[in-house]
Amino acid sequence: MQPELKAAIDVGRLLLITPFENNVKRVTAETAEQGNRFIIEISDDIVIGYASKGGTLDSMITDIKNKKIVRIKE
């Protein structure tokens, strides 16, 4: 882990959350979708920096009715 990330974690300024075991080392389309779904499920409000129209993330958040969703860039 990069020293600046570790330092932020150590002082409580950064929290890393993942649904994956330590043996998952690469981001694939499948793991990205699983990770996004996990974060959406545990979040109260969702801020999306960018989701391409018709893309996987756009499709995931289109069906969400019970959470506040803010899109920064359409």
PDB file of N, CA and C in Angstrom:
ATOM      1  N   MET A   1       0.846  -1.171   0.000  1.00  0.00           N
ATOM      2  CA  MET A   1       0.000   0.000   0.000  1.00  0.00           C
ATOM      3  C   MET A   1       0.897   1.242   0.000  1.00  0.00           C
ATOM      4  N   GLN A   2       0.464   2.254  -0.734  1.00  0.00           N
ATOM      5  CA  GLN A   2       1.232   3.492  -0.808  1.00  0.00           C
ATOM      6  C   GLN A   2       1.294   4.158   0.561  1.00  0.00           C
ATOM      7  N   PRO A   3       2.448   4.712   0.921  1.00  0.00           N
ATOM      8  CA  PRO A   3       2.614   5.309   2.260  1.00  0.00           C
ATOM      9  C   PRO A   3       1.582   6.387   2.581  1.00  0.00           C
ATOM     10  N   GLU A   4       1.218   7.221   1.605  1.00  0.00           N
ATOM     11  CA  GLU A   4       0.249   8.279   1.892  1.00  0.00           C
ATOM     12  C   GLU A   4      -1.148   7.714   2.174  1.00  0.00           C
ATOM     13  N   LEU A   5      -1.494   6.599   1.539  1.00  0.00           N
ATOM     14  CA  LEU A   5      -2.776   5.946   1.839  1.00  0.00           C
ATOM     15  C   LEU A   5      -2.735   5.331   3.231  1.00  0.00           C
ATOM     16  N   LYS A   6      -1.655   4.647   3.544  1.00  0.00           N
ATOM     17  CA  LYS A   6      -1.520   4.039   4.861  1.00  0.00           C
ATOM     18  C   LYS A   6      -1.575   5.094   5.962  1.00  0.00           C
ATOM     19  N   ALA A   7      -0.918   6.228   5.738  1.00  0.00           N
ATOM     20  CA  ALA A   7      -0.927   7.311   6.728  1.00  0.00           C
ATOM     21  C   ALA A   7      -2.348   7.838   6.936  1.00  0.00           C
ATOM     22  N   ALA A   8      -3.102   8.007   5.862  1.00  0.00           N
ATOM     23  CA  ALA A   8      -4.488   8.491   5.971  1.00  0.00           C
ATOM     24  C   ALA A   8      -5.366   7.481   6.701  1.00  0.00           C
ATOM     25  N   ILE A   9      -5.143   6.209   6.464  1.00  0.00           N
ATOM     26  CA  ILE A   9      -5.889   5.161   7.177  1.00  0.00           C
ATOM     27  C   ILE A   9      -5.534   5.190   8.660  1.00  0.00           C
ATOM     28  N   ASP A  10      -4.249   5.290   8.953  1.00  0.00           N
ATOM     29  CA  ASP A  10      -3.776   5.261  10.345  1.00  0.00           C
ATOM     30  C   ASP A  10      -4.359   6.387  11.198  1.00  0.00           C
ATOM     31  N   VAL A  11      -4.620   7.550  10.582  1.00  0.00           N
ATOM     32  CA  VAL A  11      -5.166   8.669  11.362  1.00  0.00           C
ATOM     33  C   VAL A  11      -6.687   8.799  11.207  1.00  0.00           C
ATOM     34  N   GLY A  12      -7.304   7.832  10.542  1.00  0.00           N
ATOM     35  CA  GLY A  12      -8.763   7.812  10.442  1.00  0.00           C
ATOM     36  C   GLY A  12      -9.357   8.744   9.402  1.00  0.00           C
ATOM     37  N   ARG A  13      -8.572   9.147   8.397  1.00  0.00           N
ATOM     38  CA  ARG A  13      -9.087  10.015   7.342  1.00  0.00           C
ATOM     39  C   ARG A  13      -9.503   9.252   6.102  1.00  0.00           C
ATOM     40  N   LEU A  14      -9.201   7.961   6.037  1.00  0.00           N
ATOM     41  CA  LEU A  14      -9.515   7.153   4.868  1.00  0.00           C
ATOM     42  C   LEU A  14      -9.985   5.782   5.320  1.00  0.00           C
ATOM     43  N   LEU A  15     -11.047   5.328   4.709  1.00  0.00           N
ATOM     44  CA  LEU A  15     -11.567   3.993   4.966  1.00  0.00           C
ATOM     45  C   LEU A  15     -11.672   3.268   3.638  1.00  0.00           C
ATOM     46  N   LEU A  16     -11.044   2.113   3.543  1.00  0.00           N
ATOM     47  CA  LEU A  16     -11.136   1.294   2.343  1.00  0.00           C
ATOM     48  C   LEU A  16     -12.132   0.177   2.593  1.00  0.00           C
ATOM     49  N   ILE A  17     -13.097   0.048   1.691  1.00  0.00           N
ATOM     50  CA  ILE A  17     -14.132  -0.968   1.823  1.00  0.00           C
ATOM     51  C   ILE A  17     -14.149  -1.802   0.549  1.00  0.00           C
ATOM     52  N   THR A  18     -14.167  -3.104   0.714  1.00  0.00           N
ATOM     53  CA  THR A  18     -14.212  -3.983  -0.444  1.00  0.00           C
ATOM     54  C   THR A  18     -14.994  -5.250  -0.097  1.00  0.00           C
ATOM     55  N   PRO A  19     -15.723  -5.789  -1.049  1.00  0.00           N
ATOM     56  CA  PRO A  19     -16.408  -7.055  -0.812  1.00  0.00           C
ATOM     57  C   PRO A  19     -15.527  -8.263  -1.136  1.00  0.00           C
ATOM     58  N   PHE A  20     -14.272  -8.014  -1.493  1.00  0.00           N
ATOM     59  CA  PHE A  20     -13.407  -9.070  -2.002  1.00  0.00           C
ATOM     60  C   PHE A  20     -12.388  -9.551  -0.975  1.00  0.00           C
ATOM     61  N   GLU A  21     -11.989 -10.793  -1.133  1.00  0.00           N
ATOM     62  CA  GLU A  21     -10.914 -11.373  -0.337  1.00  0.00           C
ATOM     63  C   GLU A  21      -9.577 -10.820  -0.841  1.00  0.00           C
ATOM     64  N   ASN A  22      -8.521 -11.012  -0.068  1.00  0.00           N
ATOM     65  CA  ASN A  22      -7.194 -10.510  -0.434  1.00  0.00           C
ATOM     66  C   ASN A  22      -6.644 -11.112  -1.718  1.00  0.00           C
ATOM     67  N   ASN A  23      -7.177 -12.258  -2.151  1.00  0.00           N
ATOM     68  CA  ASN A  23      -6.642 -12.897  -3.350  1.00  0.00           C
ATOM     69  C   ASN A  23      -7.130 -12.244  -4.642  1.00  0.00           C
ATOM     70  N   VAL A  24      -8.102 -11.344  -4.588  1.00  0.00           N
ATOM     71  CA  VAL A  24      -8.559 -10.627  -5.782  1.00  0.00           C
ATOM     72  C   VAL A  24      -7.626  -9.441  -5.982  1.00  0.00           C
ATOM     73  N   LYS A  25      -6.812  -9.513  -7.028  1.00  0.00           N
ATOM     74  CA  LYS A  25      -5.760  -8.516  -7.248  1.00  0.00           C
ATOM     75  C   LYS A  25      -6.023  -7.604  -8.443  1.00  0.00           C
ATOM     76  N   ARG A  26      -6.936  -7.984  -9.345  1.00  0.00           N
ATOM     77  CA  ARG A  26      -7.150  -7.211 -10.567  1.00  0.00           C
ATOM     78  C   ARG A  26      -8.591  -6.746 -10.676  1.00  0.00           C
ATOM     79  N   VAL A  27      -8.747  -5.600 -11.300  1.00  0.00           N
ATOM     80  CA  VAL A  27     -10.080  -5.105 -11.608  1.00  0.00           C
ATOM     81  C   VAL A  27     -10.463  -5.647 -12.977  1.00  0.00           C
ATOM     82  N   THR A  28     -11.583  -6.341 -13.012  1.00  0.00           N
ATOM     83  CA  THR A  28     -12.151  -6.797 -14.274  1.00  0.00           C
ATOM     84  C   THR A  28     -13.531  -6.163 -14.389  1.00  0.00           C
ATOM     85  N   ALA A  29     -14.182  -6.322 -15.520  1.00  0.00           N
ATOM     86  CA  ALA A  29     -15.546  -5.800 -15.664  1.00  0.00           C
ATOM     87  C   ALA A  29     -16.443  -6.424 -14.598  1.00  0.00           C
ATOM     88  N   GLU A  30     -16.248  -7.702 -14.332  1.00  0.00           N
ATOM     89  CA  GLU A  30     -17.076  -8.408 -13.340  1.00  0.00           C
ATOM     90  C   GLU A  30     -16.810  -7.912 -11.915  1.00  0.00           C
ATOM     91  N   THR A  31     -15.537  -7.785 -11.540  1.00  0.00           N
ATOM     92  CA  THR A  31     -15.253  -7.332 -10.174  1.00  0.00           C
ATOM     93  C   THR A  31     -15.640  -5.865  -9.990  1.00  0.00           C
ATOM     94  N   ALA A  32     -15.492  -5.056 -11.032  1.00  0.00           N
ATOM     95  CA  ALA A  32     -15.911  -3.653 -10.943  1.00  0.00           C
ATOM     96  C   ALA A  32     -17.417  -3.562 -10.706  1.00  0.00           C
ATOM     97  N   GLU A  33     -18.180  -4.372 -11.415  1.00  0.00           N
ATOM     98  CA  GLU A  33     -19.632  -4.374 -11.228  1.00  0.00           C
ATOM     99  C   GLU A  33     -19.997  -4.858  -9.826  1.00  0.00           C
ATOM    100  N   GLN A  34     -19.350  -5.907  -9.360  1.00  0.00           N
ATOM    101  CA  GLN A  34     -19.617  -6.409  -8.001  1.00  0.00           C
ATOM    102  C   GLN A  34     -19.286  -5.356  -6.954  1.00  0.00           C
ATOM    103  N   GLY A  35     -18.150  -4.690  -7.125  1.00  0.00           N
ATOM    104  CA  GLY A  35     -17.750  -3.651  -6.182  1.00  0.00           C
ATOM    105  C   GLY A  35     -18.724  -2.479  -6.186  1.00  0.00           C
ATOM    106  N   ASN A  36     -19.141  -2.051  -7.375  1.00  0.00           N
ATOM    107  CA  ASN A  36     -20.109  -0.956  -7.476  1.00  0.00           C
ATOM    108  C   ASN A  36     -21.437  -1.324  -6.827  1.00  0.00           C
ATOM    109  N   ARG A  37     -21.912  -2.532  -7.076  1.00  0.00           N
ATOM    110  CA  ARG A  37     -23.173  -2.976  -6.462  1.00  0.00           C
ATOM    111  C   ARG A  37     -23.063  -3.005  -4.932  1.00  0.00           C
ATOM    112  N   PHE A  38     -21.932  -3.464  -4.424  1.00  0.00           N
ATOM    113  CA  PHE A  38     -21.704  -3.513  -2.986  1.00  0.00           C
ATOM    114  C   PHE A  38     -21.778  -2.113  -2.379  1.00  0.00           C
ATOM    115  N   ILE A  39     -21.059  -1.173  -2.975  1.00  0.00           N
ATOM    116  CA  ILE A  39     -21.039   0.195  -2.449  1.00  0.00           C
ATOM    117  C   ILE A  39     -22.424   0.829  -2.546  1.00  0.00           C
ATOM    118  N   ILE A  40     -23.135   0.604  -3.632  1.00  0.00           N
ATOM    119  CA  ILE A  40     -24.500   1.129  -3.776  1.00  0.00           C
ATOM    120  C   ILE A  40     -25.396   0.576  -2.675  1.00  0.00           C
ATOM    121  N   GLU A  41     -25.271  -0.707  -2.393  1.00  0.00           N
ATOM    122  CA  GLU A  41     -26.112  -1.342  -1.370  1.00  0.00           C
ATOM    123  C   GLU A  41     -25.876  -0.767   0.020  1.00  0.00           C
ATOM    124  N   ILE A  42     -24.627  -0.467   0.373  1.00  0.00           N
ATOM    125  CA  ILE A  42     -24.345  -0.019   1.738  1.00  0.00           C
ATOM    126  C   ILE A  42     -24.417   1.499   1.908  1.00  0.00           C
ATOM    127  N   SER A  43     -24.604   2.228   0.812  1.00  0.00           N
ATOM    128  CA  SER A  43     -24.616   3.694   0.870  1.00  0.00           C
ATOM    129  C   SER A  43     -26.014   4.245   1.093  1.00  0.00           C
ATOM    130  N   ASP A  44     -26.080   5.356   1.834  1.00  0.00           N
ATOM    131  CA  ASP A  44     -27.338   6.079   1.995  1.00  0.00           C
ATOM    132  C   ASP A  44     -27.554   7.028   0.821  1.00  0.00           C
ATOM    133  N   ASP A  45     -26.528   7.774   0.470  1.00  0.00           N
ATOM    134  CA  ASP A  45     -26.546   8.697  -0.662  1.00  0.00           C
ATOM    135  C   ASP A  45     -25.424   8.306  -1.597  1.00  0.00           C
ATOM    136  N   ILE A  46     -25.613   8.552  -2.895  1.00  0.00           N
ATOM    137  CA  ILE A  46     -24.633   8.134  -3.892  1.00  0.00           C
ATOM    138  C   ILE A  46     -24.267   9.332  -4.757  1.00  0.00           C
ATOM    139  N   VAL A  47     -22.971   9.572  -4.918  1.00  0.00           N
ATOM    140  CA  VAL A  47     -22.484  10.616  -5.810  1.00  0.00           C
ATOM    141  C   VAL A  47     -21.726   9.927  -6.937  1.00  0.00           C
ATOM    142  N   ILE A  48     -22.163  10.165  -8.162  1.00  0.00           N
ATOM    143  CA  ILE A  48     -21.544   9.556  -9.338  1.00  0.00           C
ATOM    144  C   ILE A  48     -20.756  10.634 -10.071  1.00  0.00           C
ATOM    145  N   GLY A  49     -19.447  10.453 -10.182  1.00  0.00           N
ATOM    146  CA  GLY A  49     -18.626  11.410 -10.917  1.00  0.00           C
ATOM    147  C   GLY A  49     -18.965  11.390 -12.395  1.00  0.00           C
ATOM    148  N   TYR A  50     -19.062  10.200 -12.949  1.00  0.00           N
ATOM    149  CA  TYR A  50     -19.429  10.055 -14.357  1.00  0.00           C
ATOM    150  C   TYR A  50     -19.902   8.630 -14.590  1.00  0.00           C
ATOM    151  N   ALA A  51     -20.976   8.495 -15.319  1.00  0.00           N
ATOM    152  CA  ALA A  51     -21.462   7.186 -15.764  1.00  0.00           C
ATOM    153  C   ALA A  51     -21.904   7.345 -17.206  1.00  0.00           C
ATOM    154  N   SER A  52     -21.299   6.594 -18.111  1.00  0.00           N
ATOM    155  CA  SER A  52     -21.659   6.725 -19.520  1.00  0.00           C
ATOM    156  C   SER A  52     -23.093   6.252 -19.737  1.00  0.00           C
ATOM    157  N   LYS A  53     -23.817   6.984 -20.567  1.00  0.00           N
ATOM    158  CA  LYS A  53     -25.211   6.647 -20.856  1.00  0.00           C
ATOM    159  C   LYS A  53     -25.300   5.227 -21.406  1.00  0.00           C
ATOM    160  N   GLY A  54     -26.166   4.426 -20.778  1.00  0.00           N
ATOM    161  CA  GLY A  54     -26.355   3.051 -21.210  1.00  0.00           C
ATOM    162  C   GLY A  54     -25.297   2.086 -20.710  1.00  0.00           C
ATOM    163  N   GLY A  55     -24.310   2.593 -19.967  1.00  0.00           N
ATOM    164  CA  GLY A  55     -23.255   1.729 -19.449  1.00  0.00           C
ATOM    165  C   GLY A  55     -23.728   0.948 -18.229  1.00  0.00           C
ATOM    166  N   THR A  56     -22.870   0.110 -17.718  1.00  0.00           N
ATOM    167  CA  THR A  56     -23.217  -0.745 -16.590  1.00  0.00           C
ATOM    168  C   THR A  56     -23.599   0.064 -15.354  1.00  0.00           C
ATOM    169  N   LEU A  57     -22.795   1.054 -14.998  1.00  0.00           N
ATOM    170  CA  LEU A  57     -23.092   1.855 -13.817  1.00  0.00           C
ATOM    171  C   LEU A  57     -24.377   2.657 -14.011  1.00  0.00           C
ATOM    172  N   ASP A  58     -24.552   3.230 -15.184  1.00  0.00           N
ATOM    173  CA  ASP A  58     -25.775   3.966 -15.492  1.00  0.00           C
ATOM    174  C   ASP A  58     -26.995   3.061 -15.326  1.00  0.00           C
ATOM    175  N   SER A  59     -26.904   1.846 -15.803  1.00  0.00           N
ATOM    176  CA  SER A  59     -28.013   0.891 -15.669  1.00  0.00           C
ATOM    177  C   SER A  59     -28.274   0.546 -14.207  1.00  0.00           C
ATOM    178  N   MET A  60     -27.218   0.393 -13.428  1.00  0.00           N
ATOM    179  CA  MET A  60     -27.376   0.061 -12.009  1.00  0.00           C
ATOM    180  C   MET A  60     -28.117   1.159 -11.262  1.00  0.00           C
ATOM    181  N   ILE A  61     -27.732   2.408 -11.498  1.00  0.00           N
ATOM    182  CA  ILE A  61     -28.313   3.488 -10.712  1.00  0.00           C
ATOM    183  C   ILE A  61     -29.663   3.952 -11.237  1.00  0.00           C
ATOM    184  N   THR A  62     -30.000   3.611 -12.464  1.00  0.00           N
ATOM    185  CA  THR A  62     -31.287   4.004 -13.042  1.00  0.00           C
ATOM    186  C   THR A  62     -32.441   3.381 -12.272  1.00  0.00           C
ATOM    187  N   ASP A  63     -32.272   2.179 -11.790  1.00  0.00           N
ATOM    188  CA  ASP A  63     -33.352   1.452 -11.120  1.00  0.00           C
ATOM    189  C   ASP A  63     -33.453   1.734  -9.622  1.00  0.00           C
ATOM    190  N   ILE A  64     -32.565   2.530  -9.068  1.00  0.00           N
ATOM    191  CA  ILE A  64     -32.565   2.790  -7.628  1.00  0.00           C
ATOM    192  C   ILE A  64     -33.604   3.860  -7.300  1.00  0.00           C
ATOM    193  N   LYS A  65     -34.492   3.525  -6.389  1.00  0.00           N
ATOM    194  CA  LYS A  65     -35.567   4.450  -6.030  1.00  0.00           C
ATOM    195  C   LYS A  65     -35.443   4.971  -4.597  1.00  0.00           C
ATOM    196  N   ASN A  66     -34.782   4.247  -3.720  1.00  0.00           N
ATOM    197  CA  ASN A  66     -34.801   4.571  -2.291  1.00  0.00           C
ATOM    198  C   ASN A  66     -33.549   5.294  -1.785  1.00  0.00           C
ATOM    199  N   LYS A  67     -32.722   5.822  -2.695  1.00  0.00           N
ATOM    200  CA  LYS A  67     -31.504   6.509  -2.290  1.00  0.00           C
ATOM    201  C   LYS A  67     -31.354   7.800  -3.089  1.00  0.00           C
ATOM    202  N   LYS A  68     -30.730   8.784  -2.475  1.00  0.00           N
ATOM    203  CA  LYS A  68     -30.438  10.020  -3.180  1.00  0.00           C
ATOM    204  C   LYS A  68     -29.231   9.784  -4.077  1.00  0.00           C
ATOM    205  N   ILE A  69     -29.369  10.131  -5.351  1.00  0.00           N
ATOM    206  CA  ILE A  69     -28.276   9.972  -6.303  1.00  0.00           C
ATOM    207  C   ILE A  69     -27.973  11.328  -6.929  1.00  0.00           C
ATOM    208  N   VAL A  70     -26.702  11.724  -6.851  1.00  0.00           N
ATOM    209  CA  VAL A  70     -26.253  12.972  -7.461  1.00  0.00           C
ATOM    210  C   VAL A  70     -25.267  12.611  -8.561  1.00  0.00           C
ATOM    211  N   ARG A  71     -25.532  13.113  -9.755  1.00  0.00           N
ATOM    212  CA  ARG A  71     -24.599  12.923 -10.876  1.00  0.00           C
ATOM    213  C   ARG A  71     -23.839  14.223 -11.090  1.00  0.00           C
ATOM    214  N   ILE A  72     -22.523  14.156 -11.014  1.00  0.00           N
ATOM    215  CA  ILE A  72     -21.706  15.349 -11.180  1.00  0.00           C
ATOM    216  C   ILE A  72     -21.604  15.714 -12.657  1.00  0.00           C
ATOM    217  N   LYS A  73     -21.385  14.725 -13.499  1.00  0.00           N
ATOM    218  CA  LYS A  73     -21.253  14.976 -14.938  1.00  0.00           C
ATOM    219  C   LYS A  73     -22.176  14.024 -15.681  1.00  0.00           C
ATOM    220  N   GLU A  74     -23.035  14.583 -16.491  1.00  0.00           N
ATOM    221  CA  GLU A  74     -23.973  13.777 -17.292  1.00  0.00           C
ATOM    222  C   GLU A  74     -23.323  13.383 -18.592  1.00  0.00           C
TER     223      GLU A  74
END
